[in-house]
Amino acid sequence: MLKDKNELLQLSQQLNGLSLWQLAGLCGVTVPDSQRRAKGWAGQLIEQALGATAGSLPIADFPDIGVELKTIPLDVNGKPRESTYICVLPMRQQYQVSFEQSVVYQKLHCVLWVPIEATPAIPLAERRILKPRLWSPTDAQWSVLKADWQELTDMVALGEIANIRASLGEYLHIRPKAASARSLTASVNAVGEPILTLPRGFYLRTSFTGQIIREN
């Protein structure tokens, strides 16, 4: 078991410069043949290598030391290629809690970012792991994240789920999170009637995660 955040950081930095093929070999894992079928595979590999224990539970990946693990794919210019998923958006009876009690807050309180090369021209097996770094939001960043969370969760609570667009939120936004259009979950509309809608999740914008990577 890891003693503290510094021990996790030191362990993670041993991965710096390894290719995914090299790390997969160390973990006894086979690299997927098709990149199209490899969604999430690199993140799962890093979790296995570092001993993350939370799995899909709504808690930090390393609950004993309060650290969330996020792999972040970077393009050739070092910019994030996609939004970073945080957690599922609860649809019912979830807004009796404050932001500080939310899963978003728990997940972002302390994050170990592990950048990975993700230029399409580089085969999956040859992509390198870049230098990991620990990060916690500044007071100013917390303020924006809280405002985004409050605006978005208020809309869900008021039955305005259909009006939520990916453009809402400065750092934090909501996007569909479903295997297919047939995957539906229960919610309510503006007059309190039960409806079925696509599951959604909280994500960090690439403009924000890019800022984190540059500053750290």
C-alpha atoms as a PDB file:
ATOM      1  CA  MET A   1       0.000   0.000   0.000  1.00  0.00           C
ATOM      2  CA  LEU A   2       1.251   3.476  -0.869  1.00  0.00           C
ATOM      3  CA  LYS A   3       2.217   5.634   2.113  1.00  0.00           C
ATOM      4  CA  ASP A   4       1.475   9.054   0.655  1.00  0.00           C
ATOM      5  CA  LYS A   5       1.173  11.190  -2.479  1.00  0.00           C
ATOM      6  CA  ASN A   6       4.924  11.609  -2.861  1.00  0.00           C
ATOM      7  CA  GLU A   7       5.453   7.852  -2.988  1.00  0.00           C
ATOM      8  CA  LEU A   8       2.804   7.595  -5.706  1.00  0.00           C
ATOM      9  CA  LEU A   9       4.454  10.418  -7.660  1.00  0.00           C
ATOM     10  CA  GLN A  10       7.868   8.750  -7.428  1.00  0.00           C
ATOM     11  CA  LEU A  11       6.389   5.428  -8.562  1.00  0.00           C
ATOM     12  CA  SER A  12       4.571   7.064 -11.478  1.00  0.00           C
ATOM     13  CA  GLN A  13       7.671   8.902 -12.651  1.00  0.00           C
ATOM     14  CA  GLN A  14       9.393   5.569 -13.181  1.00  0.00           C
ATOM     15  CA  LEU A  15       7.003   5.177 -16.138  1.00  0.00           C
ATOM     16  CA  ASN A  16       8.329   8.333 -17.802  1.00  0.00           C
ATOM     17  CA  GLY A  17       9.628   7.513 -21.288  1.00  0.00           C
ATOM     18  CA  LEU A  18       8.294   3.956 -21.444  1.00  0.00           C
ATOM     19  CA  SER A  19       6.262   2.962 -24.479  1.00  0.00           C
ATOM     20  CA  LEU A  20       2.855   1.412 -23.921  1.00  0.00           C
ATOM     21  CA  TRP A  21       4.263  -1.806 -25.392  1.00  0.00           C
ATOM     22  CA  GLN A  22       7.049  -1.843 -22.780  1.00  0.00           C
ATOM     23  CA  LEU A  23       4.648  -1.183 -19.911  1.00  0.00           C
ATOM     24  CA  ALA A  24       2.178  -3.755 -21.193  1.00  0.00           C
ATOM     25  CA  GLY A  25       4.987  -6.317 -21.213  1.00  0.00           C
ATOM     26  CA  LEU A  26       5.891  -5.497 -17.612  1.00  0.00           C
ATOM     27  CA  CYS A  27       2.239  -5.903 -16.613  1.00  0.00           C
ATOM     28  CA  GLY A  28       1.697  -9.092 -18.641  1.00  0.00           C
ATOM     29  CA  VAL A  29      -0.899  -7.401 -20.851  1.00  0.00           C
ATOM     30  CA  THR A  30      -1.364  -7.639 -24.633  1.00  0.00           C
ATOM     31  CA  VAL A  31      -1.550  -4.426 -26.651  1.00  0.00           C
ATOM     32  CA  PRO A  32      -4.841  -4.235 -28.638  1.00  0.00           C
ATOM     33  CA  ASP A  33      -4.499  -4.855 -32.364  1.00  0.00           C
ATOM     34  CA  SER A  34      -6.880  -2.045 -33.307  1.00  0.00           C
ATOM     35  CA  GLN A  35      -6.647   1.488 -31.977  1.00  0.00           C
ATOM     36  CA  ARG A  36     -10.371   1.898 -32.598  1.00  0.00           C
ATOM     37  CA  ARG A  37     -11.036  -0.815 -30.009  1.00  0.00           C
ATOM     38  CA  ALA A  38      -8.522   0.582 -27.539  1.00  0.00           C
ATOM     39  CA  LYS A  39     -10.642   3.352 -26.006  1.00  0.00           C
ATOM     40  CA  GLY A  40      -9.657   3.595 -22.350  1.00  0.00           C
ATOM     41  CA  TRP A  41      -7.075   0.822 -22.616  1.00  0.00           C
ATOM     42  CA  ALA A  42      -4.039   3.008 -21.896  1.00  0.00           C
ATOM     43  CA  GLY A  43      -5.700   4.446 -18.807  1.00  0.00           C
ATOM     44  CA  GLN A  44      -6.538   0.976 -17.520  1.00  0.00           C
ATOM     45  CA  LEU A  45      -2.957  -0.112 -18.123  1.00  0.00           C
ATOM     46  CA  ILE A  46      -1.606   2.827 -16.097  1.00  0.00           C
ATOM     47  CA  GLU A  47      -4.100   2.076 -13.314  1.00  0.00           C
ATOM     48  CA  GLN A  48      -2.893  -1.521 -13.186  1.00  0.00           C
ATOM     49  CA  ALA A  49       0.770  -0.522 -13.208  1.00  0.00           C
ATOM     50  CA  LEU A  50       0.339   1.936 -10.329  1.00  0.00           C
ATOM     51  CA  GLY A  51      -2.089  -0.173  -8.295  1.00  0.00           C
ATOM     52  CA  ALA A  52      -5.222   1.993  -8.420  1.00  0.00           C
ATOM     53  CA  THR A  53      -7.985   0.287  -6.451  1.00  0.00           C
ATOM     54  CA  ALA A  54     -11.215   2.281  -6.892  1.00  0.00           C
ATOM     55  CA  GLY A  55     -12.257   0.796 -10.241  1.00  0.00           C
ATOM     56  CA  SER A  56     -15.594   2.305 -11.281  1.00  0.00           C
ATOM     57  CA  LEU A  57     -16.566   3.427  -7.759  1.00  0.00           C
ATOM     58  CA  PRO A  58     -17.372   7.168  -7.312  1.00  0.00           C
ATOM     59  CA  ILE A  59     -14.258   7.783  -5.215  1.00  0.00           C
ATOM     60  CA  ALA A  60     -10.644   8.722  -5.888  1.00  0.00           C
ATOM     61  CA  ASP A  61      -8.619   6.027  -7.671  1.00  0.00           C
ATOM     62  CA  PHE A  62      -6.237   5.867  -4.704  1.00  0.00           C
ATOM     63  CA  PRO A  63      -8.724   6.304  -1.838  1.00  0.00           C
ATOM     64  CA  ASP A  64      -6.217   5.738   0.955  1.00  0.00           C
ATOM     65  CA  ILE A  65      -4.216   8.806  -0.061  1.00  0.00           C
ATOM     66  CA  GLY A  66      -6.973  10.771  -1.799  1.00  0.00           C
ATOM     67  CA  VAL A  67      -5.528  10.908  -5.312  1.00  0.00           C
ATOM     68  CA  GLU A  68      -7.360  10.572  -8.616  1.00  0.00           C
ATOM     69  CA  LEU A  69      -5.488   9.211 -11.664  1.00  0.00           C
ATOM     70  CA  LYS A  70      -6.087  10.800 -15.053  1.00  0.00           C
ATOM     71  CA  THR A  71      -4.263   9.845 -18.232  1.00  0.00           C
ATOM     72  CA  ILE A  72      -4.311  12.617 -20.795  1.00  0.00           C
ATOM     73  CA  PRO A  73      -3.600  12.036 -24.513  1.00  0.00           C
ATOM     74  CA  LEU A  74      -1.475  14.793 -26.072  1.00  0.00           C
ATOM     75  CA  ASP A  75      -0.966  15.703 -29.713  1.00  0.00           C
ATOM     76  CA  VAL A  76       2.367  16.475 -31.348  1.00  0.00           C
ATOM     77  CA  ASN A  77       2.226  20.016 -29.936  1.00  0.00           C
ATOM     78  CA  GLY A  78       1.598  18.838 -26.385  1.00  0.00           C
ATOM     79  CA  LYS A  79      -2.081  19.815 -26.407  1.00  0.00           C
ATOM     80  CA  PRO A  80      -4.856  17.551 -25.045  1.00  0.00           C
ATOM     81  CA  ARG A  81      -6.693  15.731 -27.821  1.00  0.00           C
ATOM     82  CA  GLU A  82      -9.972  15.255 -25.937  1.00  0.00           C
ATOM     83  CA  SER A  83     -11.989  16.339 -22.924  1.00  0.00           C
ATOM     84  CA  THR A  84     -11.182  14.551 -19.660  1.00  0.00           C
ATOM     85  CA  TYR A  85     -13.972  12.464 -18.156  1.00  0.00           C
ATOM     86  CA  ILE A  86     -14.514  12.951 -14.417  1.00  0.00           C
ATOM     87  CA  CYS A  87     -17.638  11.086 -13.354  1.00  0.00           C
ATOM     88  CA  VAL A  88     -21.234  10.233 -14.224  1.00  0.00           C
ATOM     89  CA  LEU A  89     -23.819  12.997 -13.895  1.00  0.00           C
ATOM     90  CA  PRO A  90     -26.394  11.795 -11.328  1.00  0.00           C
ATOM     91  CA  MET A  91     -29.938  12.465 -12.495  1.00  0.00           C
ATOM     92  CA  ARG A  92     -32.002  12.072  -9.317  1.00  0.00           C
ATOM     93  CA  GLN A  93     -31.881  13.279  -5.708  1.00  0.00           C
ATOM     94  CA  GLN A  94     -28.292  14.319  -6.054  1.00  0.00           C
ATOM     95  CA  TYR A  95     -28.451  18.039  -5.466  1.00  0.00           C
ATOM     96  CA  GLN A  96     -29.187  17.886  -1.788  1.00  0.00           C
ATOM     97  CA  VAL A  97     -25.382  17.862  -1.470  1.00  0.00           C
ATOM     98  CA  SER A  98     -23.012  20.801  -1.732  1.00  0.00           C
ATOM     99  CA  PHE A  99     -20.234  21.080  -4.277  1.00  0.00           C
ATOM    100  CA  GLU A 100     -17.739  20.131  -1.554  1.00  0.00           C
ATOM    101  CA  GLN A 101     -19.692  16.887  -1.005  1.00  0.00           C
ATOM    102  CA  SER A 102     -19.926  16.068  -4.705  1.00  0.00           C
ATOM    103  CA  VAL A 103     -18.068  13.367  -6.608  1.00  0.00           C
ATOM    104  CA  VAL A 104     -16.596  16.055  -8.872  1.00  0.00           C
ATOM    105  CA  TYR A 105     -14.958  17.699  -5.853  1.00  0.00           C
ATOM    106  CA  GLN A 106     -13.653  14.383  -4.536  1.00  0.00           C
ATOM    107  CA  LYS A 107     -12.215  13.441  -7.924  1.00  0.00           C
ATOM    108  CA  LEU A 108     -10.478  16.778  -8.527  1.00  0.00           C
ATOM    109  CA  HIS A 109      -9.161  17.454  -5.030  1.00  0.00           C
ATOM    110  CA  CYS A 110      -5.801  15.965  -5.998  1.00  0.00           C
ATOM    111  CA  VAL A 111      -5.043  14.527  -9.440  1.00  0.00           C
ATOM    112  CA  LEU A 112      -2.077  12.589 -10.771  1.00  0.00           C
ATOM    113  CA  TRP A 113      -1.895  13.528 -14.445  1.00  0.00           C
ATOM    114  CA  VAL A 114      -0.141  11.019 -16.685  1.00  0.00           C
ATOM    115  CA  PRO A 115       0.326  12.438 -20.212  1.00  0.00           C
ATOM    116  CA  ILE A 116       0.618   9.998 -23.106  1.00  0.00           C
ATOM    117  CA  GLU A 117       1.608  10.589 -26.710  1.00  0.00           C
ATOM    118  CA  ALA A 118      -1.491  10.314 -28.867  1.00  0.00           C
ATOM    119  CA  THR A 119      -0.519  11.558 -32.299  1.00  0.00           C
ATOM    120  CA  PRO A 120      -2.520   9.372 -34.741  1.00  0.00           C
ATOM    121  CA  ALA A 121       0.593   8.663 -36.814  1.00  0.00           C
ATOM    122  CA  ILE A 122       2.240   6.891 -33.851  1.00  0.00           C
ATOM    123  CA  PRO A 123       1.070   3.254 -33.455  1.00  0.00           C
ATOM    124  CA  LEU A 124      -0.568   2.558 -30.109  1.00  0.00           C
ATOM    125  CA  ALA A 125       2.207   0.239 -28.921  1.00  0.00           C
ATOM    126  CA  GLU A 126       4.904   2.845 -29.655  1.00  0.00           C
ATOM    127  CA  ARG A 127       3.265   5.745 -27.848  1.00  0.00           C
ATOM    128  CA  ARG A 128       5.329   6.951 -24.909  1.00  0.00           C
ATOM    129  CA  ILE A 129       4.277   7.849 -21.408  1.00  0.00           C
ATOM    130  CA  LEU A 130       5.418  11.361 -20.551  1.00  0.00           C
ATOM    131  CA  LYS A 131       6.324  12.851 -17.172  1.00  0.00           C
ATOM    132  CA  PRO A 132       3.493  12.488 -14.608  1.00  0.00           C
ATOM    133  CA  ARG A 133       2.696  15.345 -12.268  1.00  0.00           C
ATOM    134  CA  LEU A 134       0.490  15.941  -9.204  1.00  0.00           C
ATOM    135  CA  TRP A 135      -1.995  18.801  -9.298  1.00  0.00           C
ATOM    136  CA  SER A 136      -4.621  20.365  -7.064  1.00  0.00           C
ATOM    137  CA  PRO A 137      -6.847  23.282  -8.097  1.00  0.00           C
ATOM    138  CA  THR A 138      -5.945  26.767  -6.933  1.00  0.00           C
ATOM    139  CA  ASP A 139      -8.558  28.818  -5.079  1.00  0.00           C
ATOM    140  CA  ALA A 140      -9.337  30.661  -8.324  1.00  0.00           C
ATOM    141  CA  GLN A 141      -9.751  27.403 -10.235  1.00  0.00           C
ATOM    142  CA  TRP A 142     -11.982  25.959  -7.510  1.00  0.00           C
ATOM    143  CA  SER A 143     -14.168  29.040  -7.765  1.00  0.00           C
ATOM    144  CA  VAL A 144     -14.744  28.541 -11.506  1.00  0.00           C
ATOM    145  CA  LEU A 145     -15.262  24.776 -11.153  1.00  0.00           C
ATOM    146  CA  LYS A 146     -17.823  25.325  -8.401  1.00  0.00           C
ATOM    147  CA  ALA A 147     -19.707  27.925 -10.448  1.00  0.00           C
ATOM    148  CA  ASP A 148     -19.806  25.576 -13.450  1.00  0.00           C
ATOM    149  CA  TRP A 149     -20.994  22.658 -11.305  1.00  0.00           C
ATOM    150  CA  GLN A 150     -23.689  24.767  -9.656  1.00  0.00           C
ATOM    151  CA  GLU A 151     -25.052  26.087 -12.947  1.00  0.00           C
ATOM    152  CA  LEU A 152     -25.181  22.657 -14.553  1.00  0.00           C
ATOM    153  CA  THR A 153     -26.616  20.779 -11.592  1.00  0.00           C
ATOM    154  CA  ASP A 154     -29.255  23.466 -11.060  1.00  0.00           C
ATOM    155  CA  MET A 155     -30.404  22.911 -14.642  1.00  0.00           C
ATOM    156  CA  VAL A 156     -30.756  19.168 -14.045  1.00  0.00           C
ATOM    157  CA  ALA A 157     -32.612  19.744 -10.769  1.00  0.00           C
ATOM    158  CA  LEU A 158     -35.038  22.099 -12.564  1.00  0.00           C
ATOM    159  CA  GLY A 159     -35.748  19.526 -15.266  1.00  0.00           C
ATOM    160  CA  GLU A 160     -33.752  21.343 -17.952  1.00  0.00           C
ATOM    161  CA  ILE A 161     -31.567  18.399 -18.898  1.00  0.00           C
ATOM    162  CA  ALA A 162     -32.625  18.746 -22.554  1.00  0.00           C
ATOM    163  CA  ASN A 163     -31.290  22.316 -22.611  1.00  0.00           C
ATOM    164  CA  ILE A 164     -27.790  21.453 -21.430  1.00  0.00           C
ATOM    165  CA  ARG A 165     -25.258  21.956 -24.207  1.00  0.00           C
ATOM    166  CA  ALA A 166     -21.559  21.112 -24.276  1.00  0.00           C
ATOM    167  CA  SER A 167     -20.881  24.844 -24.666  1.00  0.00           C
ATOM    168  CA  LEU A 168     -22.088  25.552 -21.106  1.00  0.00           C
ATOM    169  CA  GLY A 169     -19.396  25.804 -18.436  1.00  0.00           C
ATOM    170  CA  GLU A 170     -15.985  27.474 -18.504  1.00  0.00           C
ATOM    171  CA  TYR A 171     -13.842  24.599 -17.163  1.00  0.00           C
ATOM    172  CA  LEU A 172     -16.449  21.915 -16.497  1.00  0.00           C
ATOM    173  CA  HIS A 173     -19.055  20.790 -18.984  1.00  0.00           C
ATOM    174  CA  ILE A 174     -21.518  17.970 -19.529  1.00  0.00           C
ATOM    175  CA  ARG A 175     -21.480  15.550 -22.452  1.00  0.00           C
ATOM    176  CA  PRO A 176     -23.359  12.334 -23.269  1.00  0.00           C
ATOM    177  CA  LYS A 177     -21.818   9.248 -21.681  1.00  0.00           C
ATOM    178  CA  ALA A 178     -23.462   6.190 -23.207  1.00  0.00           C
ATOM    179  CA  ALA A 179     -22.477   3.110 -25.166  1.00  0.00           C
ATOM    180  CA  SER A 180     -25.264   3.792 -27.670  1.00  0.00           C
ATOM    181  CA  ALA A 181     -28.387   5.885 -28.222  1.00  0.00           C
ATOM    182  CA  ARG A 182     -30.398   3.001 -26.766  1.00  0.00           C
ATOM    183  CA  SER A 183     -28.735   3.381 -23.346  1.00  0.00           C
ATOM    184  CA  LEU A 184     -31.187   5.535 -21.414  1.00  0.00           C
ATOM    185  CA  THR A 185     -31.517   6.621 -17.796  1.00  0.00           C
ATOM    186  CA  ALA A 186     -34.351   8.125 -15.742  1.00  0.00           C
ATOM    187  CA  SER A 187     -34.663  11.868 -15.168  1.00  0.00           C
ATOM    188  CA  VAL A 188     -37.442  14.485 -14.958  1.00  0.00           C
ATOM    189  CA  ASN A 189     -38.566  17.297 -17.233  1.00  0.00           C
ATOM    190  CA  ALA A 190     -39.347  20.931 -16.357  1.00  0.00           C
ATOM    191  CA  VAL A 191     -42.781  20.052 -14.928  1.00  0.00           C
ATOM    192  CA  GLY A 192     -41.486  17.163 -12.847  1.00  0.00           C
ATOM    193  CA  GLU A 193     -42.651  14.363 -15.136  1.00  0.00           C
ATOM    194  CA  PRO A 194     -40.423  11.281 -15.423  1.00  0.00           C
ATOM    195  CA  ILE A 195     -38.517  10.979 -18.695  1.00  0.00           C
ATOM    196  CA  LEU A 196     -35.831   8.790 -20.201  1.00  0.00           C
ATOM    197  CA  THR A 197     -32.679  10.469 -21.469  1.00  0.00           C
ATOM    198  CA  LEU A 198     -29.108   9.653 -22.442  1.00  0.00           C
ATOM    199  CA  PRO A 199     -26.708   9.212 -19.538  1.00  0.00           C
ATOM    200  CA  ARG A 200     -24.297  12.102 -19.230  1.00  0.00           C
ATOM    201  CA  GLY A 201     -20.989  12.783 -17.560  1.00  0.00           C
ATOM    202  CA  PHE A 202     -18.923  15.659 -16.226  1.00  0.00           C
ATOM    203  CA  TYR A 203     -15.829  16.467 -18.303  1.00  0.00           C
ATOM    204  CA  LEU A 204     -12.992  18.973 -18.090  1.00  0.00           C
ATOM    205  CA  ARG A 205     -12.474  21.091 -21.186  1.00  0.00           C
ATOM    206  CA  THR A 206      -9.256  20.720 -23.172  1.00  0.00           C
ATOM    207  CA  SER A 207      -8.609  24.460 -22.734  1.00  0.00           C
ATOM    208  CA  PHE A 208      -8.460  23.911 -18.974  1.00  0.00           C
ATOM    209  CA  THR A 209      -6.473  20.666 -18.961  1.00  0.00           C
ATOM    210  CA  GLY A 210      -4.068  22.203 -21.468  1.00  0.00           C
ATOM    211  CA  GLN A 211      -3.523  25.041 -19.013  1.00  0.00           C
ATOM    212  CA  ILE A 212      -2.832  22.527 -16.235  1.00  0.00           C
ATOM    213  CA  ILE A 213      -0.258  20.669 -18.330  1.00  0.00           C
ATOM    214  CA  ARG A 214       1.501  23.891 -19.391  1.00  0.00           C
ATOM    215  CA  GLU A 215       1.678  25.266 -15.847  1.00  0.00           C
ATOM    216  CA  ASN A 216       2.911  22.021 -14.303  1.00  0.00           C
END
